[in-house]
Structures are given as structure tokens and as C-alpha cells.
């Protein structure tokens, strides 16, 4: 196998093994805490999304 094939194969494996985090349940008594928890959860999910996009970008860069 060429180096290109090995790289692409490993990147595709990384893509297939990526398991995005599921949203957490937000339970709180105070409304102000809920807003804070929502923001933290949104940031966490956005970071997961960015990690997923990075893997796809690596594959795309390797193919171009």
C-alpha cells in the first residue's frame, strides 16, 4: 500500500469510530442555573461538532 492509501484508510477509520456525544439532560431548580447549563451544553456539543468536521477536513485535504 502506498503512503497515501494508508493515510486515507486511517482517516476513514477515525471518521467511522468517531462517536459524537449525546446531549445531556438538564435538570435544575433555578431558571438562572438552567441558562448556564444550556450554554455549557451548547459549547460542549459545538466542540464535538468541530472535532467531527476536522476529521472530514483531514480526509478532504488528503484526497485533494
Protein backbone atom coordinates (compact mmCIF):
# COMPACT_ATOMS: atom_id res chain seq x y z
CA UNK A 1 0.00 0.00 0.00
CA UNK A 2 1.15 3.49 -0.71
CA UNK A 3 1.54 6.10 2.00
CA UNK A 4 -1.49 7.90 0.55
CA UNK A 5 -3.65 4.78 0.88
CA UNK A 6 -2.52 4.20 4.44
CA UNK A 7 -3.29 7.81 5.42
CA UNK A 8 -6.72 7.81 3.80
CA UNK A 9 -7.56 4.44 5.31
CA UNK A 10 -6.58 5.59 8.80
CA UNK A 11 -8.54 8.85 8.42
CA UNK A 12 -11.64 6.98 7.29
CA UNK A 13 -11.27 4.63 10.24
CA UNK A 14 -11.03 7.66 12.55
CA UNK A 15 -14.21 9.03 10.92
CA UNK A 16 -16.07 5.75 11.39
CA UNK A 17 -15.00 5.40 15.01
CA UNK A 18 -15.98 8.95 15.95
CA UNK A 19 -18.84 8.79 18.43
CA UNK A 20 -20.43 12.19 18.99
CA UNK A 21 -21.58 12.92 22.49
CA UNK A 22 -25.28 12.77 23.16
CA UNK A 23 -26.98 15.79 24.71
CA UNK A 24 -27.14 15.67 28.48
CA UNK A 25 -30.38 16.08 30.37
CA UNK A 26 -30.57 19.47 32.03
CA UNK A 27 -32.23 19.32 35.43
CA UNK A 28 -32.17 22.21 37.87
CA UNK A 29 -34.41 24.07 40.29
CA UNK A 30 -33.33 27.58 39.31
CA UNK A 31 -34.03 29.19 35.96
CA UNK A 32 -30.70 31.05 36.05
CA UNK A 33 -28.86 27.76 36.51
CA UNK A 34 -30.73 26.34 33.54
CA UNK A 35 -29.43 29.10 31.25
CA UNK A 36 -25.90 28.45 32.45
CA UNK A 37 -26.25 24.69 31.94
CA UNK A 38 -27.74 25.23 28.47
CA UNK A 39 -24.77 27.37 27.48
CA UNK A 40 -22.27 24.82 28.77
CA UNK A 41 -24.10 22.04 26.93
CA UNK A 42 -24.24 24.07 23.70
CA UNK A 43 -20.49 24.71 23.91
CA UNK A 44 -19.78 21.04 24.53
CA UNK A 45 -21.90 19.91 21.58
CA UNK A 46 -20.38 22.57 19.33
CA UNK A 47 -16.88 21.34 20.23
CA UNK A 48 -17.95 17.79 19.37
CA UNK A 49 -19.25 19.05 16.03
CA UNK A 50 -15.97 20.86 15.34
CA UNK A 51 -14.00 17.68 16.08
CA UNK A 52 -16.17 15.79 13.62
CA UNK A 53 -15.69 18.45 10.94
CA UNK A 54 -11.90 18.37 11.48
CA UNK A 55 -11.84 14.67 10.66
CA UNK A 56 -13.79 15.27 7.45
CA UNK A 57 -11.48 18.17 6.52
CA UNK A 58 -8.43 15.94 7.01
CA UNK A 59 -9.92 13.34 4.67
CA UNK A 60 -10.80 16.03 2.13
CA UNK A 61 -7.30 17.54 2.27
CA UNK A 62 -5.71 14.16 1.78
CA UNK A 63 -7.90 13.43 -1.24
CA UNK A 64 -7.15 16.78 -2.90
